């Protein structure tokens, strides 16, 4: 179930509870690494003939993006976080948390929430396009990098969608519910609900 992370010593940023009303730096880095990885992948042949150099650069950008979105920007921009842990029996558990609303803990703005979810959804779709492009053009040496991009960004998307919807494990139900919420929020921006900010409990799956 969900809990307030300030009481959870396992959260590496548990002491950073003074959240400002707006987070321009977090918003910038939420998009910077993932957009930079895409731009570098598309333009690397123009700037360098070294496949290894391009491969490593894009992979590093993808890794920085995965870490920053999972540990920092999701926490600041939408008040959500997730992680996966292995128990003593070797079972894998997904754990989801949402920040509790308090007078000293300001919720993310609607604009930040929109930027967060749009960046989280659109970029993996672009990497899927790159996958089919590389496959059909027989640029097979890039497939490993494209698959890494899809895997890292899809993992964050999957984790945050589950977290937003309260840890629902049925992925078909998750997808339908998430899309219906997104359509409704787009049609009625004034009624946009801040995801998962009602003091939910930690859920394990």
C-alpha atoms as a PDB file:
ATOM      1  CA  UNK A   1       0.000   0.000   0.000  1.00  0.00           C
ATOM      2  CA  UNK A   2       1.022   3.668  -0.233  1.00  0.00           C
ATOM      3  CA  UNK A   3       2.611   5.813   2.478  1.00  0.00           C
ATOM      4  CA  UNK A   4       4.224   9.196   2.980  1.00  0.00           C
ATOM      5  CA  UNK A   5       7.873   8.732   1.927  1.00  0.00           C
ATOM      6  CA  UNK A   6       9.100  11.134   4.604  1.00  0.00           C
ATOM      7  CA  UNK A   7       8.623   8.275   7.096  1.00  0.00           C
ATOM      8  CA  UNK A   8      10.353   5.756   4.858  1.00  0.00           C
ATOM      9  CA  UNK A   9      14.143   5.616   5.441  1.00  0.00           C
ATOM     10  CA  UNK A  10      14.692   3.568   2.263  1.00  0.00           C
ATOM     11  CA  UNK A  11      13.905   6.578   0.063  1.00  0.00           C
ATOM     12  CA  UNK A  12      17.225   8.289  -0.810  1.00  0.00           C
ATOM     13  CA  UNK A  13      15.589  11.724  -1.048  1.00  0.00           C
ATOM     14  CA  UNK A  14      13.383  11.358   2.028  1.00  0.00           C
ATOM     15  CA  UNK A  15      14.860  14.437   3.675  1.00  0.00           C
ATOM     16  CA  UNK A  16      14.001  16.744   0.768  1.00  0.00           C
ATOM     17  CA  UNK A  17      10.446  17.525   1.826  1.00  0.00           C
ATOM     18  CA  UNK A  18      10.398  21.262   1.093  1.00  0.00           C
ATOM     19  CA  UNK A  19       8.899  21.163  -2.413  1.00  0.00           C
ATOM     20  CA  UNK A  20       8.391  24.536  -4.138  1.00  0.00           C
ATOM     21  CA  UNK A  21       5.219  25.356  -6.020  1.00  0.00           C
ATOM     22  CA  UNK A  22       7.003  25.118  -9.370  1.00  0.00           C
ATOM     23  CA  UNK A  23       9.945  22.990 -10.426  1.00  0.00           C
ATOM     24  CA  UNK A  24      11.477  24.470 -13.604  1.00  0.00           C
ATOM     25  CA  UNK A  25      14.771  22.624 -13.149  1.00  0.00           C
ATOM     26  CA  UNK A  26      13.070  19.266 -12.667  1.00  0.00           C
ATOM     27  CA  UNK A  27      10.820  19.959 -15.662  1.00  0.00           C
ATOM     28  CA  UNK A  28      13.859  20.817 -17.789  1.00  0.00           C
ATOM     29  CA  UNK A  29      15.775  17.656 -16.880  1.00  0.00           C
ATOM     30  CA  UNK A  30      12.660  15.503 -17.235  1.00  0.00           C
ATOM     31  CA  UNK A  31      12.832  16.269 -20.960  1.00  0.00           C
ATOM     32  CA  UNK A  32      16.520  17.078 -21.432  1.00  0.00           C
ATOM     33  CA  UNK A  33      18.069  13.602 -21.203  1.00  0.00           C
ATOM     34  CA  UNK A  34      15.367  11.769 -23.148  1.00  0.00           C
ATOM     35  CA  UNK A  35      15.181  14.382 -25.916  1.00  0.00           C
ATOM     36  CA  UNK A  36      18.992  14.558 -26.056  1.00  0.00           C
ATOM     37  CA  UNK A  37      19.165  10.771 -26.481  1.00  0.00           C
ATOM     38  CA  UNK A  38      16.721  10.928 -29.396  1.00  0.00           C
ATOM     39  CA  UNK A  39      18.490  13.862 -31.067  1.00  0.00           C
ATOM     40  CA  UNK A  40      21.901  12.226 -30.613  1.00  0.00           C
ATOM     41  CA  UNK A  41      20.642   8.955 -32.073  1.00  0.00           C
ATOM     42  CA  UNK A  42      19.181  10.714 -35.128  1.00  0.00           C
ATOM     43  CA  UNK A  43      22.147  13.044 -35.729  1.00  0.00           C
ATOM     44  CA  UNK A  44      25.120  10.971 -34.595  1.00  0.00           C
ATOM     45  CA  UNK A  45      26.100  10.021 -38.152  1.00  0.00           C
ATOM     46  CA  UNK A  46      26.398  13.725 -38.981  1.00  0.00           C
ATOM     47  CA  UNK A  47      28.772  14.483 -36.117  1.00  0.00           C
ATOM     48  CA  UNK A  48      30.824  11.325 -35.711  1.00  0.00           C
ATOM     49  CA  UNK A  49      31.790   8.223 -37.660  1.00  0.00           C
ATOM     50  CA  UNK A  50      32.436   6.282 -34.456  1.00  0.00           C
ATOM     51  CA  UNK A  51      29.626   3.809 -33.846  1.00  0.00           C
ATOM     52  CA  UNK A  52      30.982   2.955 -30.397  1.00  0.00           C
ATOM     53  CA  UNK A  53      31.133   6.608 -29.383  1.00  0.00           C
ATOM     54  CA  UNK A  54      27.538   7.238 -30.498  1.00  0.00           C
ATOM     55  CA  UNK A  55      26.334   4.026 -28.872  1.00  0.00           C
ATOM     56  CA  UNK A  56      27.918   4.857 -25.510  1.00  0.00           C
ATOM     57  CA  UNK A  57      26.732   8.479 -25.583  1.00  0.00           C
ATOM     58  CA  UNK A  58      23.101   7.568 -26.278  1.00  0.00           C
ATOM     59  CA  UNK A  59      23.173   4.756 -23.713  1.00  0.00           C
ATOM     60  CA  UNK A  60      24.525   7.109 -21.046  1.00  0.00           C
ATOM     61  CA  UNK A  61      21.811   9.672 -21.824  1.00  0.00           C
ATOM     62  CA  UNK A  62      19.160   6.956 -21.583  1.00  0.00           C
ATOM     63  CA  UNK A  63      20.589   5.784 -18.252  1.00  0.00           C
ATOM     64  CA  UNK A  64      20.680   9.327 -16.848  1.00  0.00           C
ATOM     65  CA  UNK A  65      17.097   9.796 -18.012  1.00  0.00           C
ATOM     66  CA  UNK A  66      15.913   6.567 -16.377  1.00  0.00           C
ATOM     67  CA  UNK A  67      17.500   7.447 -13.040  1.00  0.00           C
ATOM     68  CA  UNK A  68      16.375  11.080 -12.978  1.00  0.00           C
ATOM     69  CA  UNK A  69      12.772  10.325 -13.971  1.00  0.00           C
ATOM     70  CA  UNK A  70      12.457   7.391 -11.579  1.00  0.00           C
ATOM     71  CA  UNK A  71      14.067   9.053  -8.554  1.00  0.00           C
ATOM     72  CA  UNK A  72      13.660  12.816  -8.946  1.00  0.00           C
ATOM     73  CA  UNK A  73      11.274  14.281 -11.530  1.00  0.00           C
ATOM     74  CA  UNK A  74       8.355  11.962 -10.834  1.00  0.00           C
ATOM     75  CA  UNK A  75       8.610  12.740  -7.134  1.00  0.00           C
ATOM     76  CA  UNK A  76       8.711  16.507  -7.668  1.00  0.00           C
ATOM     77  CA  UNK A  77       6.398  16.978 -10.642  1.00  0.00           C
ATOM     78  CA  UNK A  78       3.538  14.576  -9.867  1.00  0.00           C
ATOM     79  CA  UNK A  79       4.257  13.365  -6.323  1.00  0.00           C
ATOM     80  CA  UNK A  80       4.698   9.702  -7.307  1.00  0.00           C
ATOM     81  CA  UNK A  81       7.484   7.156  -7.053  1.00  0.00           C
ATOM     82  CA  UNK A  82       7.894   3.439  -7.626  1.00  0.00           C
ATOM     83  CA  UNK A  83      10.532   0.775  -7.288  1.00  0.00           C
ATOM     84  CA  UNK A  84      10.976  -2.967  -7.543  1.00  0.00           C
ATOM     85  CA  UNK A  85      12.488  -5.090  -4.816  1.00  0.00           C
ATOM     86  CA  UNK A  86      13.313  -8.756  -4.292  1.00  0.00           C
ATOM     87  CA  UNK A  87      12.271 -10.319  -0.997  1.00  0.00           C
ATOM     88  CA  UNK A  88      14.078 -13.067   0.923  1.00  0.00           C
ATOM     89  CA  UNK A  89      12.157 -15.754  -0.987  1.00  0.00           C
ATOM     90  CA  UNK A  90      13.348 -14.383  -4.315  1.00  0.00           C
ATOM     91  CA  UNK A  91       9.960 -12.937  -5.272  1.00  0.00           C
ATOM     92  CA  UNK A  92       9.853  -9.644  -7.140  1.00  0.00           C
ATOM     93  CA  UNK A  93       7.543  -6.935  -5.766  1.00  0.00           C
ATOM     94  CA  UNK A  94       6.472  -3.640  -7.334  1.00  0.00           C
ATOM     95  CA  UNK A  95       6.042  -0.944  -4.674  1.00  0.00           C
ATOM     96  CA  UNK A  96       4.241   2.346  -5.299  1.00  0.00           C
ATOM     97  CA  UNK A  97       4.010   5.511  -3.228  1.00  0.00           C
ATOM     98  CA  UNK A  98       2.234   8.850  -3.483  1.00  0.00           C
ATOM     99  CA  UNK A  99       3.031  12.032  -1.582  1.00  0.00           C
ATOM    100  CA  UNK A 100       0.483  13.088   1.019  1.00  0.00           C
ATOM    101  CA  UNK A 101      -0.912  16.583   0.756  1.00  0.00           C
ATOM    102  CA  UNK A 102       0.090  18.892   3.595  1.00  0.00           C
ATOM    103  CA  UNK A 103       0.307  22.686   4.082  1.00  0.00           C
ATOM    104  CA  UNK A 104       4.102  22.479   3.786  1.00  0.00           C
ATOM    105  CA  UNK A 105       4.138  20.124   0.789  1.00  0.00           C
ATOM    106  CA  UNK A 106       2.789  21.787  -2.361  1.00  0.00           C
ATOM    107  CA  UNK A 107       1.292  19.667  -5.138  1.00  0.00           C
ATOM    108  CA  UNK A 108       2.724  19.808  -8.632  1.00  0.00           C
ATOM    109  CA  UNK A 109       1.118  22.270 -11.023  1.00  0.00           C
ATOM    110  CA  UNK A 110      -1.172  21.126 -13.814  1.00  0.00           C
ATOM    111  CA  UNK A 111       1.332  22.272 -16.443  1.00  0.00           C
ATOM    112  CA  UNK A 112       4.126  20.244 -14.856  1.00  0.00           C
ATOM    113  CA  UNK A 113       1.871  17.175 -14.669  1.00  0.00           C
ATOM    114  CA  UNK A 114       1.032  17.495 -18.369  1.00  0.00           C
ATOM    115  CA  UNK A 115       4.710  17.874 -19.321  1.00  0.00           C
ATOM    116  CA  UNK A 116       5.596  14.879 -17.173  1.00  0.00           C
ATOM    117  CA  UNK A 117       3.035  12.529 -18.691  1.00  0.00           C
ATOM    118  CA  UNK A 118       3.496  13.728 -22.275  1.00  0.00           C
ATOM    119  CA  UNK A 119       7.264  13.233 -22.052  1.00  0.00           C
ATOM    120  CA  UNK A 120       6.771   9.852 -20.419  1.00  0.00           C
ATOM    121  CA  UNK A 121       4.398   8.614 -23.147  1.00  0.00           C
ATOM    122  CA  UNK A 122       5.670  10.197 -26.371  1.00  0.00           C
ATOM    123  CA  UNK A 123       9.384   9.359 -26.125  1.00  0.00           C
ATOM    124  CA  UNK A 124       8.948   5.548 -25.840  1.00  0.00           C
ATOM    125  CA  UNK A 125       6.679   5.723 -28.891  1.00  0.00           C
ATOM    126  CA  UNK A 126       9.477   7.460 -30.806  1.00  0.00           C
ATOM    127  CA  UNK A 127      11.899   4.670 -29.833  1.00  0.00           C
ATOM    128  CA  UNK A 128       9.389   2.105 -31.100  1.00  0.00           C
ATOM    129  CA  UNK A 129       9.361   3.943 -34.439  1.00  0.00           C
ATOM    130  CA  UNK A 130      13.181   3.797 -34.414  1.00  0.00           C
ATOM    131  CA  UNK A 131      12.985   0.036 -33.800  1.00  0.00           C
ATOM    132  CA  UNK A 132      10.903  -0.637 -36.907  1.00  0.00           C
ATOM    133  CA  UNK A 133      12.960   1.848 -38.917  1.00  0.00           C
ATOM    134  CA  UNK A 134      16.211   0.083 -37.987  1.00  0.00           C
ATOM    135  CA  UNK A 135      14.683  -3.325 -38.601  1.00  0.00           C
ATOM    136  CA  UNK A 136      13.252  -2.557 -42.045  1.00  0.00           C
ATOM    137  CA  UNK A 137      16.332  -0.612 -43.178  1.00  0.00           C
ATOM    138  CA  UNK A 138      18.558  -3.503 -41.985  1.00  0.00           C
ATOM    139  CA  UNK A 139      20.575  -1.266 -39.643  1.00  0.00           C
ATOM    140  CA  UNK A 140      20.822  -4.191 -37.277  1.00  0.00           C
ATOM    141  CA  UNK A 141      23.812  -2.817 -35.341  1.00  0.00           C
ATOM    142  CA  UNK A 142      21.529  -0.156 -33.859  1.00  0.00           C
ATOM    143  CA  UNK A 143      18.840  -2.590 -32.703  1.00  0.00           C
ATOM    144  CA  UNK A 144      20.481  -3.292 -29.333  1.00  0.00           C
ATOM    145  CA  UNK A 145      20.604   0.439 -28.579  1.00  0.00           C
ATOM    146  CA  UNK A 146      16.998   0.997 -29.694  1.00  0.00           C
ATOM    147  CA  UNK A 147      15.808  -1.956 -27.590  1.00  0.00           C
ATOM    148  CA  UNK A 148      17.650  -0.486 -24.600  1.00  0.00           C
ATOM    149  CA  UNK A 149      15.878   2.837 -25.194  1.00  0.00           C
ATOM    150  CA  UNK A 150      12.472   1.143 -25.380  1.00  0.00           C
ATOM    151  CA  UNK A 151      13.150  -0.969 -22.284  1.00  0.00           C
ATOM    152  CA  UNK A 152      14.384   1.850 -20.030  1.00  0.00           C
ATOM    153  CA  UNK A 153      11.689   4.332 -20.967  1.00  0.00           C
ATOM    154  CA  UNK A 154       8.883   1.761 -21.050  1.00  0.00           C
ATOM    155  CA  UNK A 155       9.881   0.617 -17.547  1.00  0.00           C
ATOM    156  CA  UNK A 156       9.397   4.143 -16.192  1.00  0.00           C
ATOM    157  CA  UNK A 157       6.112   4.529 -18.077  1.00  0.00           C
ATOM    158  CA  UNK A 158       4.797   1.194 -16.787  1.00  0.00           C
ATOM    159  CA  UNK A 159       5.832   1.954 -13.211  1.00  0.00           C
ATOM    160  CA  UNK A 160       4.276   5.413 -13.141  1.00  0.00           C
ATOM    161  CA  UNK A 161       1.030   4.311 -14.818  1.00  0.00           C
ATOM    162  CA  UNK A 162       0.611   1.604 -12.172  1.00  0.00           C
ATOM    163  CA  UNK A 163       1.521   4.103  -9.476  1.00  0.00           C
ATOM    164  CA  UNK A 164      -0.980   6.684 -10.755  1.00  0.00           C
ATOM    165  CA  UNK A 165      -3.783   4.124 -10.766  1.00  0.00           C
ATOM    166  CA  UNK A 166      -3.051   2.754  -7.309  1.00  0.00           C
ATOM    167  CA  UNK A 167      -0.980  -0.310  -8.124  1.00  0.00           C
ATOM    168  CA  UNK A 168      -3.523  -2.103 -10.331  1.00  0.00           C
ATOM    169  CA  UNK A 169      -1.731  -5.218 -11.657  1.00  0.00           C
ATOM    170  CA  UNK A 170      -4.099  -5.953 -14.573  1.00  0.00           C
ATOM    171  CA  UNK A 171      -2.277  -4.204 -17.427  1.00  0.00           C
ATOM    172  CA  UNK A 172      -5.347  -4.203 -19.724  1.00  0.00           C
ATOM    173  CA  UNK A 173      -7.400  -2.515 -17.015  1.00  0.00           C
ATOM    174  CA  UNK A 174      -4.503  -0.135 -16.324  1.00  0.00           C
ATOM    175  CA  UNK A 175      -4.276   0.891 -19.984  1.00  0.00           C
ATOM    176  CA  UNK A 176      -8.020   1.437 -20.403  1.00  0.00           C
ATOM    177  CA  UNK A 177      -8.316   3.414 -17.175  1.00  0.00           C
ATOM    178  CA  UNK A 178      -5.248   5.522 -17.879  1.00  0.00           C
ATOM    179  CA  UNK A 179      -6.349   6.406 -21.407  1.00  0.00           C
ATOM    180  CA  UNK A 180      -9.867   7.300 -20.243  1.00  0.00           C
ATOM    181  CA  UNK A 181      -8.420   9.548 -17.523  1.00  0.00           C
ATOM    182  CA  UNK A 182      -6.039  11.195 -19.979  1.00  0.00           C
ATOM    183  CA  UNK A 183      -8.819  11.911 -22.510  1.00  0.00           C
ATOM    184  CA  UNK A 184     -11.097  13.325 -19.810  1.00  0.00           C
ATOM    185  CA  UNK A 185      -8.344  15.523 -18.375  1.00  0.00           C
ATOM    186  CA  UNK A 186      -7.441  16.851 -21.829  1.00  0.00           C
ATOM    187  CA  UNK A 187     -11.076  17.687 -22.573  1.00  0.00           C
ATOM    188  CA  UNK A 188     -11.588  19.300 -19.165  1.00  0.00           C
ATOM    189  CA  UNK A 189      -8.227  20.829 -18.145  1.00  0.00           C
ATOM    190  CA  UNK A 190      -9.817  22.838 -15.368  1.00  0.00           C
ATOM    191  CA  UNK A 191     -10.847  19.630 -13.617  1.00  0.00           C
ATOM    192  CA  UNK A 192      -7.431  17.970 -13.883  1.00  0.00           C
ATOM    193  CA  UNK A 193      -6.803  15.807 -10.857  1.00  0.00           C
ATOM    194  CA  UNK A 194      -3.341  15.654  -9.360  1.00  0.00           C
ATOM    195  CA  UNK A 195      -2.432  11.963  -9.652  1.00  0.00           C
ATOM    196  CA  UNK A 196      -2.018  10.001  -6.464  1.00  0.00           C
ATOM    197  CA  UNK A 197      -1.847  12.923  -4.006  1.00  0.00           C
ATOM    198  CA  UNK A 198      -4.517  11.822  -1.562  1.00  0.00           C
ATOM    199  CA  UNK A 199      -2.316   9.999   0.986  1.00  0.00           C
ATOM    200  CA  UNK A 200      -2.534   6.533  -0.546  1.00  0.00           C
ATOM    201  CA  UNK A 201      -0.866   3.477   0.995  1.00  0.00           C
ATOM    202  CA  UNK A 202       2.031   1.323  -0.205  1.00  0.00           C
ATOM    203  CA  UNK A 203       1.047  -1.508  -2.561  1.00  0.00           C
ATOM    204  CA  UNK A 204       3.220  -4.553  -3.210  1.00  0.00           C
ATOM    205  CA  UNK A 205       2.767  -6.815  -6.257  1.00  0.00           C
END
